[in-house]
């Protein structure tokens, strides 16, 4: 049996479909729900330590609070939708696989590529933040620069190449340290909590609807959307571990819901404790807002030093986990022929080595060449919001087109829940242009190039035997039988 393109129906390379897939197989059953819950938290935990506070400069405490609540609602609705979709289609493609089933090859490619933009750019930005933490802590006398960024990619990609089980356990331990430190921080910060410090940012009286709670007016709420997302960005990557999970139909929904619940609690504790302990004005531009919140006189304390080291652990956890997510998304797109097929080859230890090395090389090059973490993060948010809109739309389409599809887990509220996520994702996409139009346009340009590649070449060379393509083919065949 030869490989076939799903659209051109011409034979592919001179290898059997079984051989093709054998060289592109992940290690099965390496993770249970607890490790996957840790993975979901690991994707995001660095966002509690830095980045979110820049939203205070965009919208003030009230603006960021409303933005965080709306973006939290978006993620909760999307997570419930993804829990259902992952129980139906448990493959490494994650969001790409969901959109492929619901929206066809174009929808699958557009979703997968948007996710890939997020998972390549976010680690590049986080490697810069790791460098800043290493320098500020005086570790080994190092200063932030390309040798530190290179060391991050070499060491942590190396652990991933060792094996997924080892990688997830490493991530779980580091994430546990970061989460424990956040809880310790919250206890220490709430000792000095003063509600009068929350709204101490100067009011822009010329802004429509401005007040002490909304110093930049109503538009400040919208501009703060990308920073409200930073408390949750990445949790949608849990389904990418589907093919390496035990009993994915049960495990993935449970893990993604637990991850989101933990992240909501951490976001509320971090946000209120930080702003109330030191004041919103004092931390709005800080690179390490939690440390600043614990040092009212600028002098380091024992607790602030602990939190500083834990912040580095949180950055490492997210960096490490996002590399994993990016490699699995690239693996799935490549295996199905949307991207060059050689990128999905796996090693003897069943790790997609080119799926790890190629994005890592690109991310390192971007970090070393630009040194602009904030711009890369906004470009990453652009990719994320596009994928959120398409994944939410996929849930709506599948609910209406295939109402009898077996669903081991069903989203509370059904299509209404995913419709809320869709509307909020579109609003967040527009907000990326309000924050940094250059970053958004750069991401859009990269997206357009990828779309050109797919339209001109790869859509005619898809691999019919890839799991996501087989799911779609079976659905099409069943629909045809029903029409007859």
Protein backbone atom coordinates (compact mmCIF):
# COMPACT_ATOMS: atom_id res chain seq x y z
CA UNK A 1 0.00 0.00 0.00
CA UNK A 2 1.43 3.40 -0.97
CA UNK A 3 0.85 6.77 0.62
CA UNK A 4 -1.81 8.89 -1.03
CA UNK A 5 -2.64 12.56 -1.13
CA UNK A 6 -6.10 13.22 0.25
CA UNK A 7 -6.89 15.60 -2.60
CA UNK A 8 -4.83 14.55 -5.63
CA UNK A 9 -5.08 10.79 -4.94
CA UNK A 10 -1.65 10.27 -6.48
CA UNK A 11 0.92 7.88 -4.95
CA UNK A 12 3.39 9.47 -2.58
CA UNK A 13 6.99 8.44 -1.79
CA UNK A 14 8.08 4.87 -2.42
CA UNK A 15 7.35 3.62 1.08
CA UNK A 16 4.34 1.88 2.49
CA UNK A 17 1.87 3.68 4.70
CA UNK A 18 2.79 1.38 7.58
CA UNK A 19 6.49 2.23 7.22
CA UNK A 20 5.69 5.92 6.97
CA UNK A 21 3.70 5.97 10.20
CA UNK A 22 6.14 3.66 12.00
CA UNK A 23 8.86 6.27 11.52
CA UNK A 24 6.50 8.90 12.90
CA UNK A 25 5.19 7.33 16.10
CA UNK A 26 5.17 8.84 19.59
CA UNK A 27 5.57 6.89 22.83
CA UNK A 28 2.11 5.71 23.89
CA UNK A 29 0.76 5.79 27.43
CA UNK A 30 3.51 7.95 28.93
CA UNK A 31 1.26 10.34 30.86
CA UNK A 32 -1.74 10.16 33.16
CA UNK A 33 -4.10 12.96 34.17
CA UNK A 34 -1.85 14.23 36.96
CA UNK A 35 1.17 14.75 34.70
CA UNK A 36 -1.06 16.36 32.09
CA UNK A 37 -2.56 18.70 34.69
CA UNK A 38 0.98 19.69 35.61
CA UNK A 39 1.72 20.23 31.92
CA UNK A 40 -1.29 22.53 31.56
CA UNK A 41 -0.19 24.63 34.54
CA UNK A 42 3.43 24.59 33.35
CA UNK A 43 2.48 26.16 30.03
CA UNK A 44 1.15 29.19 31.87
CA UNK A 45 2.82 29.59 35.26
CA UNK A 46 5.53 32.00 34.08
CA UNK A 47 2.72 34.43 33.24
CA UNK A 48 1.97 34.79 36.95
CA UNK A 49 5.53 35.95 37.58
CA UNK A 50 5.86 38.57 34.84
CA UNK A 51 4.16 40.11 31.83
CA UNK A 52 0.59 40.50 33.11
CA UNK A 53 1.45 43.64 35.06
CA UNK A 54 2.11 45.66 31.88
CA UNK A 55 -1.66 45.61 31.48
CA UNK A 56 -1.85 48.00 34.43
CA UNK A 57 -0.16 50.61 32.25
CA UNK A 58 -2.77 50.00 29.53
CA UNK A 59 -5.95 49.94 31.59
CA UNK A 60 -5.18 50.54 35.27
CA UNK A 61 -6.26 48.14 37.99
CA UNK A 62 -9.94 48.20 37.04
CA UNK A 63 -9.24 47.88 33.32
CA UNK A 64 -6.92 44.92 33.78
CA UNK A 65 -9.30 43.33 36.30
CA UNK A 66 -12.16 43.45 33.80
CA UNK A 67 -9.88 42.26 31.00
CA UNK A 68 -8.67 39.36 33.14
CA UNK A 69 -12.27 38.41 33.99
CA UNK A 70 -13.35 38.49 30.33
CA UNK A 71 -10.28 36.61 29.12
CA UNK A 72 -10.70 34.14 31.96
CA UNK A 73 -14.28 33.59 30.80
CA UNK A 74 -13.00 33.07 27.25
CA UNK A 75 -10.51 30.44 28.41
CA UNK A 76 -13.03 28.66 30.63
CA UNK A 77 -15.51 28.43 27.75
CA UNK A 78 -12.80 27.33 25.34
CA UNK A 79 -11.39 24.76 27.76
CA UNK A 80 -14.80 23.14 28.17
CA UNK A 81 -15.10 23.03 24.38
CA UNK A 82 -11.61 21.57 23.95
CA UNK A 83 -12.34 18.97 26.62
CA UNK A 84 -15.19 17.67 24.48
CA UNK A 85 -13.21 17.84 21.24
CA UNK A 86 -10.20 16.07 22.74
CA UNK A 87 -12.42 13.22 23.94
CA UNK A 88 -13.75 12.82 20.38
CA UNK A 89 -10.46 13.25 18.48
CA UNK A 90 -7.54 12.24 20.75
CA UNK A 91 -4.61 12.85 18.37
CA UNK A 92 -1.36 14.81 18.58
CA UNK A 93 -2.80 17.44 16.25
CA UNK A 94 -4.86 19.03 19.02
CA UNK A 95 -6.53 22.17 17.69
CA UNK A 96 -5.44 21.43 14.12
CA UNK A 97 -7.13 18.01 14.29
CA UNK A 98 -10.35 19.50 15.66
CA UNK A 99 -10.51 22.17 12.96
CA UNK A 100 -9.58 19.64 10.26
CA UNK A 101 -12.62 17.55 11.14
CA UNK A 102 -14.97 20.52 11.34
CA UNK A 103 -13.66 23.01 8.79
CA UNK A 104 -11.74 20.90 6.28
CA UNK A 105 -8.06 21.05 5.22
CA UNK A 106 -7.97 24.83 5.05
CA UNK A 107 -9.43 25.19 8.52
CA UNK A 108 -7.01 22.61 9.88
CA UNK A 109 -4.00 24.33 8.37
CA UNK A 110 -5.03 27.82 9.45
CA UNK A 111 -5.59 26.64 13.02
CA UNK A 112 -2.41 24.55 13.26
CA UNK A 113 -0.24 27.31 11.81
CA UNK A 114 -1.66 29.90 14.21
CA UNK A 115 -0.89 27.58 17.13
CA UNK A 116 2.61 27.03 15.77
CA UNK A 117 3.26 30.80 15.62
CA UNK A 118 2.30 31.00 19.30
CA UNK A 119 4.49 28.07 20.36
CA UNK A 120 7.58 29.18 18.45
CA UNK A 121 7.52 32.84 19.50
CA UNK A 122 6.56 32.37 23.17
CA UNK A 123 9.67 30.27 24.05
CA UNK A 124 11.85 32.80 22.25
CA UNK A 125 10.45 35.58 24.45
CA UNK A 126 10.67 33.52 27.63
CA UNK A 127 14.35 32.69 26.95
CA UNK A 128 15.00 36.45 27.10
CA UNK A 129 13.19 36.69 30.43
CA UNK A 130 15.23 33.75 31.75
CA UNK A 131 18.38 35.62 30.78
CA UNK A 132 17.20 38.69 32.67
CA UNK A 133 16.45 36.62 35.79
CA UNK A 134 19.84 34.87 35.62
CA UNK A 135 21.55 38.26 35.42
CA UNK A 136 19.48 39.88 38.18
CA UNK A 137 20.13 36.95 40.52
CA UNK A 138 23.85 37.04 39.79
CA UNK A 139 23.92 33.34 38.92
CA UNK A 140 27.43 32.23 37.98
CA UNK A 141 28.30 35.83 37.14
CA UNK A 142 26.40 35.54 33.85
CA UNK A 143 24.81 38.44 32.02
CA UNK A 144 21.77 38.15 29.78
CA UNK A 145 22.80 37.39 26.20
CA UNK A 146 22.90 34.77 23.48
CA UNK A 147 25.04 32.24 25.43
CA UNK A 148 22.32 32.04 28.11
CA UNK A 149 19.57 31.71 25.50
CA UNK A 150 21.54 29.01 23.69
CA UNK A 151 22.11 27.09 26.92
CA UNK A 152 18.37 27.14 27.62
CA UNK A 153 17.51 25.64 24.24
CA UNK A 154 20.32 23.07 24.28
CA UNK A 155 19.65 21.78 27.81
CA UNK A 156 15.87 21.65 27.67
CA UNK A 157 15.55 20.36 24.12
CA UNK A 158 18.05 17.70 25.17
CA UNK A 159 15.74 16.57 27.97
CA UNK A 160 12.85 16.35 25.51
CA UNK A 161 14.98 14.24 23.17
CA UNK A 162 15.63 11.88 26.07
CA UNK A 163 11.94 10.95 26.22
CA UNK A 164 8.46 12.32 26.86
CA UNK A 165 7.95 10.55 30.20
CA UNK A 166 11.18 12.00 31.60
CA UNK A 167 10.36 15.41 30.14
CA UNK A 168 6.88 15.59 31.68
CA UNK A 169 8.15 14.47 35.09
CA UNK A 170 10.86 17.16 35.00
CA UNK A 171 8.24 19.75 34.05
CA UNK A 172 5.93 18.56 36.84
CA UNK A 173 8.61 19.00 39.53
CA UNK A 174 9.68 22.47 38.36
CA UNK A 175 6.06 23.58 38.06
CA UNK A 176 5.36 22.36 41.58
CA UNK A 177 8.18 24.55 42.89
CA UNK A 178 6.83 27.59 41.01
CA UNK A 179 3.24 27.06 42.20
CA UNK A 180 4.30 26.53 45.83
CA UNK A 181 6.27 29.79 45.71
CA UNK A 182 3.23 31.65 44.34
CA UNK A 183 1.20 30.48 47.33
CA UNK A 184 3.97 31.54 49.73
CA UNK A 185 4.18 34.90 47.95
CA UNK A 186 0.43 35.45 48.29
CA UNK A 187 0.53 34.81 52.02
CA UNK A 188 3.43 37.22 52.48
CA UNK A 189 1.95 39.93 50.24
CA UNK A 190 -1.52 39.84 51.77
CA UNK A 191 0.05 40.70 55.16
CA UNK A 192 0.73 44.18 53.73
CA UNK A 193 -2.44 44.39 51.62
CA UNK A 194 -4.08 47.84 51.41
CA UNK A 195 -7.08 48.28 49.11
CA UNK A 196 -6.32 52.01 48.70
CA UNK A 197 -3.18 51.10 46.72
CA UNK A 198 -5.09 49.23 44.02
CA UNK A 199 -6.25 52.34 42.11
CA UNK A 200 -3.22 54.63 42.60
CA UNK A 201 -2.37 55.08 38.89
CA UNK A 202 -2.78 58.67 37.64
CA UNK A 203 -6.06 59.28 35.81
CA UNK A 204 -6.06 60.36 32.15
CA UNK A 205 -8.96 62.80 32.35
CA UNK A 206 -9.18 63.16 28.57
CA UNK A 207 -9.98 59.43 28.18
CA UNK A 208 -13.66 58.54 27.79
CA UNK A 209 -15.05 56.97 30.95
CA UNK A 210 -11.88 57.53 32.98
CA UNK A 211 -11.83 57.23 36.77
CA UNK A 212 -9.42 56.10 39.47
CA UNK A 213 -10.39 52.50 38.68
CA UNK A 214 -10.25 53.04 34.92
CA UNK A 215 -7.47 55.66 34.57
CA UNK A 216 -7.21 55.10 30.78
CA UNK A 217 -10.97 55.00 30.28
CA UNK A 218 -13.09 52.31 28.73
CA UNK A 219 -10.69 51.70 25.83
CA UNK A 220 -8.09 50.74 28.42
CA UNK A 221 -10.10 47.59 29.16
CA UNK A 222 -9.80 46.46 25.55
CA UNK A 223 -6.11 47.33 25.36
CA UNK A 224 -5.49 45.20 28.46
CA UNK A 225 -6.98 42.06 26.88
CA UNK A 226 -3.62 40.56 25.78
CA UNK A 227 -2.25 41.00 29.30
CA UNK A 228 -5.34 39.48 30.89
CA UNK A 229 -4.68 36.49 28.62
CA UNK A 230 -1.17 36.14 30.03
CA UNK A 231 -2.60 34.47 33.15
CA UNK A 232 -3.94 31.60 30.98
CA UNK A 233 -2.07 31.62 27.67
CA UNK A 234 -0.98 28.12 26.67
CA UNK A 235 -3.37 25.93 28.66
CA UNK A 236 -5.03 24.97 25.37
CA UNK A 237 -1.91 22.91 24.59
CA UNK A 238 -2.93 19.99 26.84
CA UNK A 239 -4.67 18.05 24.00
CA UNK A 240 -1.38 18.00 22.05
CA UNK A 241 -0.27 15.19 24.39
CA UNK A 242 -3.19 12.97 23.31
CA UNK A 243 -1.14 10.26 21.59
CA UNK A 244 1.19 9.96 24.58
CA UNK A 245 -1.63 9.69 27.13
CA UNK A 246 -3.23 6.75 28.85
CA UNK A 247 -6.96 6.55 28.06
CA UNK A 248 -7.04 10.02 26.40
CA UNK A 249 -10.84 10.19 26.07
CA UNK A 250 -11.11 10.30 29.87
CA UNK A 251 -7.73 11.72 30.84
CA UNK A 252 -7.57 14.83 28.62
CA UNK A 253 -10.90 16.40 29.64
CA UNK A 254 -10.11 15.85 33.32
CA UNK A 255 -6.58 17.28 33.04
CA UNK A 256 -7.53 20.37 31.06
CA UNK A 257 -10.37 21.25 33.47
CA UNK A 258 -8.16 20.80 36.54
CA UNK A 259 -5.42 22.89 34.92
CA UNK A 260 -7.83 25.74 34.26
CA UNK A 261 -9.23 25.63 37.79
CA UNK A 262 -5.74 25.88 39.30
CA UNK A 263 -4.78 28.73 36.96
CA UNK A 264 -7.88 30.78 37.87
CA UNK A 265 -7.02 30.53 41.59
CA UNK A 266 -3.37 31.46 40.98
CA UNK A 267 -4.36 34.42 38.77
CA UNK A 268 -6.67 35.91 41.41
CA UNK A 269 -4.15 35.46 44.23
CA UNK A 270 -1.26 36.90 42.21
CA UNK A 271 -3.16 39.88 40.83
CA UNK A 272 -4.74 41.13 44.04
CA UNK A 273 -1.78 40.35 46.31
CA UNK A 274 0.74 42.11 44.06
CA UNK A 275 -1.26 45.29 43.48
CA UNK A 276 -2.49 45.54 47.06
CA UNK A 277 0.89 45.02 48.69
CA UNK A 278 2.87 47.67 46.80
CA UNK A 279 0.38 49.54 44.63
CA UNK A 280 -0.51 49.25 40.94
CA UNK A 281 1.64 52.24 39.97
CA UNK A 282 4.77 50.71 41.50
CA UNK A 283 4.54 47.40 39.66
CA UNK A 284 3.02 48.41 36.30
CA UNK A 285 6.41 48.56 34.54
CA UNK A 286 8.36 46.07 36.66
CA UNK A 287 10.10 43.13 35.01
CA UNK A 288 9.57 41.12 38.20
CA UNK A 289 6.37 42.53 39.76
CA UNK A 290 6.09 39.93 42.52
CA UNK A 291 9.56 40.74 43.82
CA UNK A 292 8.80 44.46 43.62
CA UNK A 293 5.60 43.90 45.59
CA UNK A 294 7.60 42.37 48.45
CA UNK A 295 10.20 45.16 48.58
CA UNK A 296 8.41 48.39 49.55
CA UNK A 297 11.69 50.11 50.38
CA UNK A 298 13.63 48.57 47.52
CA UNK A 299 15.63 46.25 49.77
CA UNK A 300 15.64 42.51 49.21
CA UNK A 301 14.11 40.31 51.89
CA UNK A 302 14.36 36.58 52.47
CA UNK A 303 10.87 36.12 50.98
CA UNK A 304 11.58 38.29 47.93
CA UNK A 305 14.74 36.29 47.19
CA UNK A 306 12.78 33.03 47.40
CA UNK A 307 10.16 34.41 45.02
CA UNK A 308 12.89 35.67 42.69
CA UNK A 309 14.40 32.20 42.39
CA UNK A 310 10.94 30.68 42.03
CA UNK A 311 10.22 33.13 39.21
CA UNK A 312 13.14 31.61 37.36
CA UNK A 313 11.67 28.15 38.00
CA UNK A 314 8.32 29.34 36.62
CA UNK A 315 9.96 30.68 33.48
CA UNK A 316 11.83 27.41 33.00
CA UNK A 317 8.61 25.40 33.43
CA UNK A 318 6.74 27.39 30.79
CA UNK A 319 9.71 27.51 28.43
CA UNK A 320 10.18 23.77 28.71
CA UNK A 321 6.50 22.95 28.24
CA UNK A 322 5.97 25.30 25.30
CA UNK A 323 8.86 23.63 23.49
CA UNK A 324 7.00 20.36 23.98
CA UNK A 325 3.74 21.82 22.65
CA UNK A 326 5.37 23.38 19.61
CA UNK A 327 7.13 20.15 18.69
CA UNK A 328 3.89 18.14 18.85
CA UNK A 329 1.98 20.66 16.75
CA UNK A 330 4.74 20.69 14.14
CA UNK A 331 4.92 16.89 14.27
CA UNK A 332 1.19 16.51 13.56
CA UNK A 333 1.13 19.05 10.72
CA UNK A 334 4.19 17.48 9.13
CA UNK A 335 2.98 13.89 9.50
CA UNK A 336 -0.21 14.81 7.64
CA UNK A 337 1.71 16.61 4.88
CA UNK A 338 0.69 20.18 5.69
CA UNK A 339 4.36 20.97 6.34
CA UNK A 340 7.44 19.14 4.91
CA UNK A 341 7.12 15.48 5.92
CA UNK A 342 10.68 14.99 7.14
CA UNK A 343 9.92 17.27 10.11
CA UNK A 344 7.77 14.52 11.68
CA UNK A 345 10.46 11.81 11.84
CA UNK A 346 10.90 10.36 15.33
CA UNK A 347 13.96 8.94 17.05
CA UNK A 348 14.48 5.52 18.64
CA UNK A 349 13.09 7.02 21.85
CA UNK A 350 9.99 8.13 19.93
CA UNK A 351 10.78 11.83 20.17
CA UNK A 352 10.14 14.07 17.11
CA UNK A 353 13.73 15.25 16.98
CA UNK A 354 13.41 17.61 14.01
CA UNK A 355 10.14 18.91 15.42
CA UNK A 356 12.18 19.91 18.48
CA UNK A 357 15.37 21.10 16.81
CA UNK A 358 13.97 23.19 13.94
CA UNK A 359 11.55 25.37 16.00
CA UNK A 360 14.23 25.61 18.69
CA UNK A 361 16.75 26.94 16.20
CA UNK A 362 14.25 29.48 14.86
CA UNK A 363 13.26 30.62 18.36
CA UNK A 364 16.88 30.95 19.48
CA UNK A 365 17.75 32.97 16.37
CA UNK A 366 14.85 35.35 17.00
CA UNK A 367 15.80 35.80 20.65
CA UNK A 368 19.48 36.42 19.89
CA UNK A 369 18.80 38.73 16.95
CA UNK A 370 16.03 40.92 18.37
CA UNK A 371 16.20 40.84 22.16
CA UNK A 372 12.60 42.14 22.14
CA UNK A 373 10.55 39.81 24.32
CA UNK A 374 7.51 42.08 24.54
CA UNK A 375 7.10 42.28 20.76
CA UNK A 376 7.47 38.53 20.32
CA UNK A 377 4.88 37.94 23.02
CA UNK A 378 2.34 40.16 21.29
CA UNK A 379 2.98 38.33 18.01
CA UNK A 380 2.48 35.05 19.89
CA UNK A 381 -0.84 36.33 21.28
CA UNK A 382 -1.91 37.15 17.70
CA UNK A 383 -1.40 33.51 16.73
CA UNK A 384 -3.12 32.31 19.88
CA UNK A 385 -6.27 34.39 19.38
CA UNK A 386 -6.64 33.28 15.75
CA UNK A 387 -6.43 29.64 16.85
CA UNK A 388 -8.91 30.20 19.69
CA UNK A 389 -11.48 31.64 17.31
CA UNK A 390 -11.07 28.73 14.88
CA UNK A 391 -11.16 26.04 17.59
CA UNK A 392 -14.30 27.54 19.11
CA UNK A 393 -15.89 27.69 15.67
CA UNK A 394 -14.93 24.02 15.14
CA UNK A 395 -16.84 23.03 18.27
CA UNK A 396 -19.94 24.92 17.08
CA UNK A 397 -19.77 23.35 13.60
CA UNK A 398 -19.32 19.80 14.91
CA UNK A 399 -22.17 20.20 17.39
CA UNK A 400 -24.53 21.27 14.59
CA UNK A 401 -23.26 19.06 11.76
CA UNK A 402 -22.60 15.87 13.73
CA UNK A 403 -25.00 15.92 16.69
CA UNK A 404 -24.92 12.12 17.01
CA UNK A 405 -21.11 11.87 17.18
CA UNK A 406 -20.03 9.88 20.23
CA UNK A 407 -18.84 12.35 22.87
CA UNK A 408 -17.37 10.77 26.05
CA UNK A 409 -17.37 14.28 27.52
CA UNK A 410 -19.93 16.97 26.66
CA UNK A 411 -19.38 20.71 27.07
CA UNK A 412 -21.71 22.33 29.61
CA UNK A 413 -23.87 24.78 27.68
CA UNK A 414 -22.98 23.20 24.34
CA UNK A 415 -22.52 25.54 21.37
CA UNK A 416 -23.50 28.58 23.46
CA UNK A 417 -20.36 28.08 25.56
CA UNK A 418 -18.07 27.94 22.53
CA UNK A 419 -19.90 30.92 20.97
CA UNK A 420 -18.90 33.06 23.96
CA UNK A 421 -15.28 31.95 23.49
CA UNK A 422 -15.47 32.77 19.77
CA UNK A 423 -16.71 36.34 20.31
CA UNK A 424 -14.15 37.08 23.01
CA UNK A 425 -11.31 35.56 20.95
CA UNK A 426 -12.16 37.87 18.04
CA UNK A 427 -12.15 40.86 20.40
CA UNK A 428 -8.76 39.81 21.78
CA UNK A 429 -7.38 39.46 18.25
CA UNK A 430 -8.28 43.08 17.49
CA UNK A 431 -6.69 44.12 20.81
CA UNK A 432 -3.27 42.84 19.67
CA UNK A 433 -3.29 45.65 17.07
CA UNK A 434 -4.12 48.19 19.79
CA UNK A 435 -1.09 47.15 21.87
CA UNK A 436 1.59 46.72 19.17
CA UNK A 437 0.47 47.04 15.57
CA UNK A 438 3.96 46.24 14.25
CA UNK A 439 4.11 42.91 16.09
CA UNK A 440 0.61 41.99 14.93
CA UNK A 441 1.43 42.86 11.31
CA UNK A 442 4.66 40.82 11.44
CA UNK A 443 2.71 37.79 12.69
CA UNK A 444 0.09 38.39 10.01
CA UNK A 445 2.85 38.49 7.36
CA UNK A 446 4.30 35.16 8.53
CA UNK A 447 0.79 33.72 8.51
CA UNK A 448 0.24 34.93 4.94
CA UNK A 449 3.46 33.27 3.73
CA UNK A 450 2.41 29.98 5.33
CA UNK A 451 -1.02 30.23 3.70
CA UNK A 452 0.67 30.74 0.34
CA UNK A 453 2.75 27.57 0.82
CA UNK A 454 -0.34 25.57 1.68
CA UNK A 455 -2.44 26.94 -1.15
CA UNK A 456 0.22 26.46 -3.81
CA UNK A 457 1.75 23.17 -2.71
CA UNK A 458 1.01 21.20 0.44
CA UNK A 459 -2.80 20.99 0.18
CA UNK A 460 -2.21 18.79 -2.89
CA UNK A 461 0.15 16.47 -1.01
CA UNK A 462 -1.64 15.57 2.20
CA UNK A 463 -1.15 12.12 3.74
CA UNK A 464 -4.39 10.16 3.79
CA UNK A 465 -3.19 7.70 6.44
CA UNK A 466 -2.34 10.38 9.05
CA UNK A 467 -4.74 9.98 12.02
CA UNK A 468 -6.35 13.40 11.63
CA UNK A 469 -6.91 12.80 7.91
CA UNK A 470 -8.36 9.35 8.55
CA UNK A 471 -10.84 10.80 11.04
CA UNK A 472 -11.95 13.33 8.42
CA UNK A 473 -12.18 10.70 5.67
CA UNK A 474 -14.31 8.41 7.83
CA UNK A 475 -16.63 11.27 8.67
CA UNK A 476 -17.00 12.15 4.99
CA UNK A 477 -17.71 8.50 4.09
CA UNK A 478 -20.35 8.21 6.81
CA UNK A 479 -22.02 11.41 5.64
CA UNK A 480 -22.08 10.09 2.06
CA UNK A 481 -23.71 6.83 3.18
CA UNK A 482 -26.37 8.76 5.08
CA UNK A 483 -27.19 10.81 1.98
CA UNK A 484 -27.59 7.63 -0.08
